[in-house]
Amino acid sequence: MEADFSTLISSMAMEALIFLGEIPNPMSKKKEENLDQAKFVIDTISSLKEKTKGNLTAEEANQIDNILYELRTKFVAKKK
């Protein structure tokens, strides 16, 4: 696996999905929900989006937008 921006964002998205309880924690093999940690990861991805604005390829910008939309939608649904 190559270390690049796309891989970093995908890795962070997977971490957020684990904290949202959407996928099992690879260590415990159980779905565990931690919405505070999920919010932290989502906010971190959002911060990276803002800090890298103008420096991303169109593909990277589209990827981060799609990931943030998906994660925020799932987060809001969990908060209800």
PDB file of N, CA and C in Angstrom:
ATOM      1  N   MET A   1       0.848  -1.178   0.000  1.00  0.00           N
ATOM      2  CA  MET A   1       0.000   0.000   0.000  1.00  0.00           C
ATOM      3  C   MET A   1       0.892   1.239   0.000  1.00  0.00           C
ATOM      4  N   GLU A   2       0.549   2.166  -0.858  1.00  0.00           N
ATOM      5  CA  GLU A   2       1.308   3.399  -0.965  1.00  0.00           C
ATOM      6  C   GLU A   2       0.771   4.429   0.026  1.00  0.00           C
ATOM      7  N   ALA A   3       1.695   5.124   0.680  1.00  0.00           N
ATOM      8  CA  ALA A   3       1.298   6.164   1.627  1.00  0.00           C
ATOM      9  C   ALA A   3       1.034   7.449   0.843  1.00  0.00           C
ATOM     10  N   ASP A   4      -0.228   7.788   0.676  1.00  0.00           N
ATOM     11  CA  ASP A   4      -0.596   9.022  -0.002  1.00  0.00           C
ATOM     12  C   ASP A   4      -1.830   9.608   0.680  1.00  0.00           C
ATOM     13  N   PHE A   5      -2.266  10.761   0.213  1.00  0.00           N
ATOM     14  CA  PHE A   5      -3.387  11.447   0.846  1.00  0.00           C
ATOM     15  C   PHE A   5      -4.658  10.610   0.810  1.00  0.00           C
ATOM     16  N   SER A   6      -4.918   9.985  -0.310  1.00  0.00           N
ATOM     17  CA  SER A   6      -6.116   9.164  -0.465  1.00  0.00           C
ATOM     18  C   SER A   6      -6.140   8.010   0.538  1.00  0.00           C
ATOM     19  N   THR A   7      -4.996   7.374   0.718  1.00  0.00           N
ATOM     20  CA  THR A   7      -4.897   6.270   1.677  1.00  0.00           C
ATOM     21  C   THR A   7      -5.102   6.770   3.102  1.00  0.00           C
ATOM     22  N   LEU A   8      -4.531   7.924   3.418  1.00  0.00           N
ATOM     23  CA  LEU A   8      -4.694   8.514   4.751  1.00  0.00           C
ATOM     24  C   LEU A   8      -6.168   8.782   5.048  1.00  0.00           C
ATOM     25  N   ILE A   9      -6.861   9.411   4.111  1.00  0.00           N
ATOM     26  CA  ILE A   9      -8.273   9.740   4.313  1.00  0.00           C
ATOM     27  C   ILE A   9      -9.114   8.471   4.417  1.00  0.00           C
ATOM     28  N   SER A  10      -8.823   7.485   3.588  1.00  0.00           N
ATOM     29  CA  SER A  10      -9.559   6.211   3.650  1.00  0.00           C
ATOM     30  C   SER A  10      -9.346   5.520   4.988  1.00  0.00           C
ATOM     31  N   SER A  11      -8.129   5.559   5.479  1.00  0.00           N
ATOM     32  CA  SER A  11      -7.811   4.948   6.773  1.00  0.00           C
ATOM     33  C   SER A  11      -8.560   5.652   7.906  1.00  0.00           C
ATOM     34  N   MET A  12      -8.587   6.970   7.856  1.00  0.00           N
ATOM     35  CA  MET A  12      -9.311   7.727   8.877  1.00  0.00           C
ATOM     36  C   MET A  12     -10.810   7.459   8.788  1.00  0.00           C
ATOM     37  N   ALA A  13     -11.329   7.322   7.580  1.00  0.00           N
ATOM     38  CA  ALA A  13     -12.752   7.025   7.404  1.00  0.00           C
ATOM     39  C   ALA A  13     -13.093   5.665   8.008  1.00  0.00           C
ATOM     40  N   MET A  14     -12.220   4.686   7.818  1.00  0.00           N
ATOM     41  CA  MET A  14     -12.442   3.359   8.409  1.00  0.00           C
ATOM     42  C   MET A  14     -12.472   3.460   9.932  1.00  0.00           C
ATOM     43  N   GLU A  15     -11.564   4.256  10.486  1.00  0.00           N
ATOM     44  CA  GLU A  15     -11.528   4.463  11.933  1.00  0.00           C
ATOM     45  C   GLU A  15     -12.844   5.079  12.412  1.00  0.00           C
ATOM     46  N   ALA A  16     -13.339   6.069  11.687  1.00  0.00           N
ATOM     47  CA  ALA A  16     -14.611   6.702  12.051  1.00  0.00           C
ATOM     48  C   ALA A  16     -15.757   5.698  11.980  1.00  0.00           C
ATOM     49  N   LEU A  17     -15.767   4.853  10.953  1.00  0.00           N
ATOM     50  CA  LEU A  17     -16.821   3.842  10.826  1.00  0.00           C
ATOM     51  C   LEU A  17     -16.775   2.843  11.982  1.00  0.00           C
ATOM     52  N   ILE A  18     -15.586   2.530  12.458  1.00  0.00           N
ATOM     53  CA  ILE A  18     -15.457   1.649  13.628  1.00  0.00           C
ATOM     54  C   ILE A  18     -16.069   2.337  14.844  1.00  0.00           C
ATOM     55  N   PHE A  19     -15.722   3.620  15.055  1.00  0.00           N
ATOM     56  CA  PHE A  19     -16.262   4.355  16.205  1.00  0.00           C
ATOM     57  C   PHE A  19     -17.770   4.578  16.093  1.00  0.00           C
ATOM     58  N   LEU A  20     -18.282   4.630  14.875  1.00  0.00           N
ATOM     59  CA  LEU A  20     -19.729   4.766  14.675  1.00  0.00           C
ATOM     60  C   LEU A  20     -20.462   3.445  14.883  1.00  0.00           C
ATOM     61  N   GLY A  21     -19.711   2.372  15.068  1.00  0.00           N
ATOM     62  CA  GLY A  21     -20.319   1.057  15.259  1.00  0.00           C
ATOM     63  C   GLY A  21     -20.830   0.458  13.963  1.00  0.00           C
ATOM     64  N   GLU A  22     -20.358   0.966  12.837  1.00  0.00           N
ATOM     65  CA  GLU A  22     -20.800   0.480  11.528  1.00  0.00           C
ATOM     66  C   GLU A  22     -20.071  -0.795  11.117  1.00  0.00           C
ATOM     67  N   ILE A  23     -18.829  -0.910  11.540  1.00  0.00           N
ATOM     68  CA  ILE A  23     -18.037  -2.109  11.232  1.00  0.00           C
ATOM     69  C   ILE A  23     -17.361  -2.580  12.515  1.00  0.00           C
ATOM     70  N   PRO A  24     -17.073  -3.862  12.621  1.00  0.00           N
ATOM     71  CA  PRO A  24     -16.461  -4.381  13.848  1.00  0.00           C
ATOM     72  C   PRO A  24     -15.057  -3.824  14.078  1.00  0.00           C
ATOM     73  N   ASN A  25     -14.748  -3.631  15.348  1.00  0.00           N
ATOM     74  CA  ASN A  25     -13.393  -3.270  15.752  1.00  0.00           C
ATOM     75  C   ASN A  25     -12.492  -4.460  15.418  1.00  0.00           C
ATOM     76  N   PRO A  26     -11.400  -4.246  14.679  1.00  0.00           N
ATOM     77  CA  PRO A  26     -10.560  -5.384  14.291  1.00  0.00           C
ATOM     78  C   PRO A  26      -9.900  -6.093  15.474  1.00  0.00           C
ATOM     79  N   MET A  27      -9.774  -5.419  16.601  1.00  0.00           N
ATOM     80  CA  MET A  27      -9.158  -6.034  17.780  1.00  0.00           C
ATOM     81  C   MET A  27     -10.153  -6.915  18.537  1.00  0.00           C
ATOM     82  N   SER A  28     -11.341  -6.385  18.785  1.00  0.00           N
ATOM     83  CA  SER A  28     -12.332  -7.117  19.584  1.00  0.00           C
ATOM     84  C   SER A  28     -13.286  -7.945  18.721  1.00  0.00           C
ATOM     85  N   LYS A  29     -13.316  -7.651  17.425  1.00  0.00           N
ATOM     86  CA  LYS A  29     -14.237  -8.313  16.486  1.00  0.00           C
ATOM     87  C   LYS A  29     -15.704  -7.984  16.785  1.00  0.00           C
ATOM     88  N   LYS A  30     -15.929  -6.928  17.587  1.00  0.00           N
ATOM     89  CA  LYS A  30     -17.283  -6.513  17.956  1.00  0.00           C
ATOM     90  C   LYS A  30     -17.549  -5.105  17.438  1.00  0.00           C
ATOM     91  N   LYS A  31     -18.828  -4.830  17.166  1.00  0.00           N
ATOM     92  CA  LYS A  31     -19.224  -3.470  16.812  1.00  0.00           C
ATOM     93  C   LYS A  31     -19.339  -2.672  18.103  1.00  0.00           C
ATOM     94  N   GLU A  32     -18.561  -1.620  18.197  1.00  0.00           N
ATOM     95  CA  GLU A  32     -18.523  -0.794  19.403  1.00  0.00           C
ATOM     96  C   GLU A  32     -18.732   0.662  18.996  1.00  0.00           C
ATOM     97  N   GLU A  33     -19.642   1.335  19.675  1.00  0.00           N
ATOM     98  CA  GLU A  33     -19.963   2.716  19.336  1.00  0.00           C
ATOM     99  C   GLU A  33     -19.298   3.676  20.312  1.00  0.00           C
ATOM    100  N   ASN A  34     -18.591   4.666  19.773  1.00  0.00           N
ATOM    101  CA  ASN A  34     -17.999   5.730  20.572  1.00  0.00           C
ATOM    102  C   ASN A  34     -18.168   7.014  19.754  1.00  0.00           C
ATOM    103  N   LEU A  35     -19.299   7.679  19.960  1.00  0.00           N
ATOM    104  CA  LEU A  35     -19.645   8.828  19.124  1.00  0.00           C
ATOM    105  C   LEU A  35     -18.720  10.021  19.337  1.00  0.00           C
ATOM    106  N   ASP A  36     -18.167  10.177  20.542  1.00  0.00           N
ATOM    107  CA  ASP A  36     -17.212  11.265  20.772  1.00  0.00           C
ATOM    108  C   ASP A  36     -15.968  11.081  19.912  1.00  0.00           C
ATOM    109  N   GLN A  37     -15.458   9.864  19.864  1.00  0.00           N
ATOM    110  CA  GLN A  37     -14.279   9.575  19.044  1.00  0.00           C
ATOM    111  C   GLN A  37     -14.617   9.677  17.563  1.00  0.00           C
ATOM    112  N   ALA A  38     -15.807   9.231  17.183  1.00  0.00           N
ATOM    113  CA  ALA A  38     -16.230   9.339  15.786  1.00  0.00           C
ATOM    114  C   ALA A  38     -16.258  10.807  15.366  1.00  0.00           C
ATOM    115  N   LYS A  39     -16.820  11.659  16.216  1.00  0.00           N
ATOM    116  CA  LYS A  39     -16.884  13.091  15.915  1.00  0.00           C
ATOM    117  C   LYS A  39     -15.488  13.681  15.790  1.00  0.00           C
ATOM    118  N   PHE A  40     -14.575  13.274  16.662  1.00  0.00           N
ATOM    119  CA  PHE A  40     -13.203  13.769  16.601  1.00  0.00           C
ATOM    120  C   PHE A  40     -12.558  13.423  15.256  1.00  0.00           C
ATOM    121  N   VAL A  41     -12.721  12.188  14.816  1.00  0.00           N
ATOM    122  CA  VAL A  41     -12.123  11.760  13.544  1.00  0.00           C
ATOM    123  C   VAL A  41     -12.772  12.500  12.373  1.00  0.00           C
ATOM    124  N   ILE A  42     -14.090  12.633  12.399  1.00  0.00           N
ATOM    125  CA  ILE A  42     -14.794  13.360  11.332  1.00  0.00           C
ATOM    126  C   ILE A  42     -14.332  14.815  11.292  1.00  0.00           C
ATOM    127  N   ASP A  43     -14.215  15.443  12.460  1.00  0.00           N
ATOM    128  CA  ASP A  43     -13.744  16.830  12.523  1.00  0.00           C
ATOM    129  C   ASP A  43     -12.300  16.952  12.034  1.00  0.00           C
ATOM    130  N   THR A  44     -11.479  15.947  12.316  1.00  0.00           N
ATOM    131  CA  THR A  44     -10.090  15.952  11.855  1.00  0.00           C
ATOM    132  C   THR A  44     -10.027  15.862  10.334  1.00  0.00           C
ATOM    133  N   ILE A  45     -10.842  14.998   9.750  1.00  0.00           N
ATOM    134  CA  ILE A  45     -10.893  14.897   8.286  1.00  0.00           C
ATOM    135  C   ILE A  45     -11.358  16.229   7.693  1.00  0.00           C
ATOM    136  N   SER A  46     -12.353  16.846   8.321  1.00  0.00           N
ATOM    137  CA  SER A  46     -12.853  18.139   7.858  1.00  0.00           C
ATOM    138  C   SER A  46     -11.760  19.205   7.930  1.00  0.00           C
ATOM    139  N   SER A  47     -10.990  19.187   8.996  1.00  0.00           N
ATOM    140  CA  SER A  47      -9.882  20.127   9.150  1.00  0.00           C
ATOM    141  C   SER A  47      -8.826  19.913   8.064  1.00  0.00           C
ATOM    142  N   LEU A  48      -8.529  18.657   7.772  1.00  0.00           N
ATOM    143  CA  LEU A  48      -7.579  18.360   6.691  1.00  0.00           C
ATOM    144  C   LEU A  48      -8.100  18.877   5.352  1.00  0.00           C
ATOM    145  N   LYS A  49      -9.402  18.755   5.143  1.00  0.00           N
ATOM    146  CA  LYS A  49     -10.000  19.265   3.904  1.00  0.00           C
ATOM    147  C   LYS A  49      -9.752  20.768   3.781  1.00  0.00           C
ATOM    148  N   GLU A  50     -10.000  21.493   4.867  1.00  0.00           N
ATOM    149  CA  GLU A  50      -9.825  22.944   4.845  1.00  0.00           C
ATOM    150  C   GLU A  50      -8.357  23.333   4.665  1.00  0.00           C
ATOM    151  N   LYS A  51      -7.468  22.645   5.353  1.00  0.00           N
ATOM    152  CA  LYS A  51      -6.041  22.978   5.310  1.00  0.00           C
ATOM    153  C   LYS A  51      -5.389  22.623   3.980  1.00  0.00           C
ATOM    154  N   THR A  52      -5.994  21.695   3.235  1.00  0.00           N
ATOM    155  CA  THR A  52      -5.409  21.272   1.958  1.00  0.00           C
ATOM    156  C   THR A  52      -6.148  21.860   0.759  1.00  0.00           C
ATOM    157  N   LYS A  53      -7.130  22.715   1.022  1.00  0.00           N
ATOM    158  CA  LYS A  53      -7.931  23.312  -0.061  1.00  0.00           C
ATOM    159  C   LYS A  53      -7.005  23.984  -1.084  1.00  0.00           C
ATOM    160  N   GLY A  54      -7.228  23.664  -2.343  1.00  0.00           N
ATOM    161  CA  GLY A  54      -6.414  24.229  -3.411  1.00  0.00           C
ATOM    162  C   GLY A  54      -5.174  23.410  -3.732  1.00  0.00           C
ATOM    163  N   ASN A  55      -4.880  22.419  -2.904  1.00  0.00           N
ATOM    164  CA  ASN A  55      -3.699  21.580  -3.106  1.00  0.00           C
ATOM    165  C   ASN A  55      -4.044  20.137  -3.443  1.00  0.00           C
ATOM    166  N   LEU A  56      -5.320  19.834  -3.556  1.00  0.00           N
ATOM    167  CA  LEU A  56      -5.742  18.464  -3.843  1.00  0.00           C
ATOM    168  C   LEU A  56      -6.072  18.305  -5.318  1.00  0.00           C
ATOM    169  N   THR A  57      -5.899  17.088  -5.808  1.00  0.00           N
ATOM    170  CA  THR A  57      -6.373  16.788  -7.158  1.00  0.00           C
ATOM    171  C   THR A  57      -7.899  16.759  -7.109  1.00  0.00           C
ATOM    172  N   ALA A  58      -8.530  16.820  -8.261  1.00  0.00           N
ATOM    173  CA  ALA A  58      -9.994  16.752  -8.312  1.00  0.00           C
ATOM    174  C   ALA A  58     -10.483  15.442  -7.705  1.00  0.00           C
ATOM    175  N   GLU A  59      -9.763  14.367  -7.960  1.00  0.00           N
ATOM    176  CA  GLU A  59     -10.141  13.057  -7.413  1.00  0.00           C
ATOM    177  C   GLU A  59     -10.051  13.045  -5.886  1.00  0.00           C
ATOM    178  N   GLU A  60      -8.976  13.625  -5.332  1.00  0.00           N
ATOM    179  CA  GLU A  60      -8.821  13.673  -3.874  1.00  0.00           C
ATOM    180  C   GLU A  60      -9.898  14.545  -3.238  1.00  0.00           C
ATOM    181  N   ALA A  61     -10.191  15.683  -3.847  1.00  0.00           N
ATOM    182  CA  ALA A  61     -11.223  16.581  -3.319  1.00  0.00           C
ATOM    183  C   ALA A  61     -12.586  15.904  -3.340  1.00  0.00           C
ATOM    184  N   ASN A  62     -12.888  15.201  -4.407  1.00  0.00           N
ATOM    185  CA  ASN A  62     -14.153  14.479  -4.515  1.00  0.00           C
ATOM    186  C   ASN A  62     -14.223  13.371  -3.467  1.00  0.00           C
ATOM    187  N   GLN A  63     -13.122  12.661  -3.279  1.00  0.00           N
ATOM    188  CA  GLN A  63     -13.078  11.581  -2.289  1.00  0.00           C
ATOM    189  C   GLN A  63     -13.367  12.115  -0.884  1.00  0.00           C
ATOM    190  N   ILE A  64     -12.697  13.182  -0.509  1.00  0.00           N
ATOM    191  CA  ILE A  64     -12.877  13.708   0.850  1.00  0.00           C
ATOM    192  C   ILE A  64     -14.297  14.248   1.033  1.00  0.00           C
ATOM    193  N   ASP A  65     -14.861  14.880   0.001  1.00  0.00           N
ATOM    194  CA  ASP A  65     -16.248  15.362   0.085  1.00  0.00           C
ATOM    195  C   ASP A  65     -17.219  14.199   0.278  1.00  0.00           C
ATOM    196  N   ASN A  66     -17.045  13.147  -0.499  1.00  0.00           N
ATOM    197  CA  ASN A  66     -17.926  11.977  -0.399  1.00  0.00           C
ATOM    198  C   ASN A  66     -17.800  11.292   0.955  1.00  0.00           C
ATOM    199  N   ILE A  67     -16.582  11.151   1.438  1.00  0.00           N
ATOM    200  CA  ILE A  67     -16.354  10.509   2.735  1.00  0.00           C
ATOM    201  C   ILE A  67     -16.990  11.331   3.846  1.00  0.00           C
ATOM    202  N   LEU A  68     -16.778  12.642   3.824  1.00  0.00           N
ATOM    203  CA  LEU A  68     -17.367  13.485   4.867  1.00  0.00           C
ATOM    204  C   LEU A  68     -18.890  13.438   4.826  1.00  0.00           C
ATOM    205  N   TYR A  69     -19.475  13.444   3.647  1.00  0.00           N
ATOM    206  CA  TYR A  69     -20.931  13.354   3.536  1.00  0.00           C
ATOM    207  C   TYR A  69     -21.429  12.047   4.158  1.00  0.00           C
ATOM    208  N   GLU A  70     -20.802  10.946   3.786  1.00  0.00           N
ATOM    209  CA  GLU A  70     -21.214   9.636   4.309  1.00  0.00           C
ATOM    210  C   GLU A  70     -21.064   9.574   5.830  1.00  0.00           C
ATOM    211  N   LEU A  71     -19.920  10.009   6.344  1.00  0.00           N
ATOM    212  CA  LEU A  71     -19.678   9.926   7.786  1.00  0.00           C
ATOM    213  C   LEU A  71     -20.615  10.841   8.567  1.00  0.00           C
ATOM    214  N   ARG A  72     -20.814  12.048   8.081  1.00  0.00           N
ATOM    215  CA  ARG A  72     -21.710  12.987   8.777  1.00  0.00           C
ATOM    216  C   ARG A  72     -23.147  12.476   8.784  1.00  0.00           C
ATOM    217  N   THR A  73     -23.582  11.894   7.679  1.00  0.00           N
ATOM    218  CA  THR A  73     -24.932  11.329   7.601  1.00  0.00           C
ATOM    219  C   THR A  73     -25.104  10.210   8.621  1.00  0.00           C
ATOM    220  N   LYS A  74     -24.127   9.328   8.701  1.00  0.00           N
ATOM    221  CA  LYS A  74     -24.190   8.214   9.656  1.00  0.00           C
ATOM    222  C   LYS A  74     -24.126   8.729  11.094  1.00  0.00           C
ATOM    223  N   PHE A  75     -23.301   9.755  11.334  1.00  0.00           N
ATOM    224  CA  PHE A  75     -23.170  10.319  12.676  1.00  0.00           C
ATOM    225  C   PHE A  75     -24.497  10.928  13.136  1.00  0.00           C
ATOM    226  N   VAL A  76     -25.126  11.716  12.273  1.00  0.00           N
ATOM    227  CA  VAL A  76     -26.406  12.352  12.619  1.00  0.00           C
ATOM    228  C   VAL A  76     -27.464  11.292  12.904  1.00  0.00           C
ATOM    229  N   ALA A  77     -27.484  10.237  12.116  1.00  0.00           N
ATOM    230  CA  ALA A  77     -28.455   9.155  12.334  1.00  0.00           C
ATOM    231  C   ALA A  77     -28.234   8.486  13.689  1.00  0.00           C
ATOM    232  N   LYS A  78     -26.989   8.353  14.109  1.00  0.00           N
ATOM    233  CA  LYS A  78     -26.681   7.717  15.401  1.00  0.00           C
ATOM    234  C   LYS A  78     -27.055   8.626  16.570  1.00  0.00           C
ATOM    235  N   LYS A  79     -26.983   9.936  16.362  1.00  0.00           N
ATOM    236  CA  LYS A  79     -27.271  10.894  17.433  1.00  0.00           C
ATOM    237  C   LYS A  79     -28.762  11.011  17.726  1.00  0.00           C
ATOM    238  N   LYS A  80     -29.620  10.536  16.818  1.00  0.00           N
ATOM    239  CA  LYS A  80     -31.077  10.658  17.008  1.00  0.00           C
ATOM    240  C   LYS A  80     -31.569   9.733  18.087  1.00  0.00           C
TER     241      LYS A  80
END
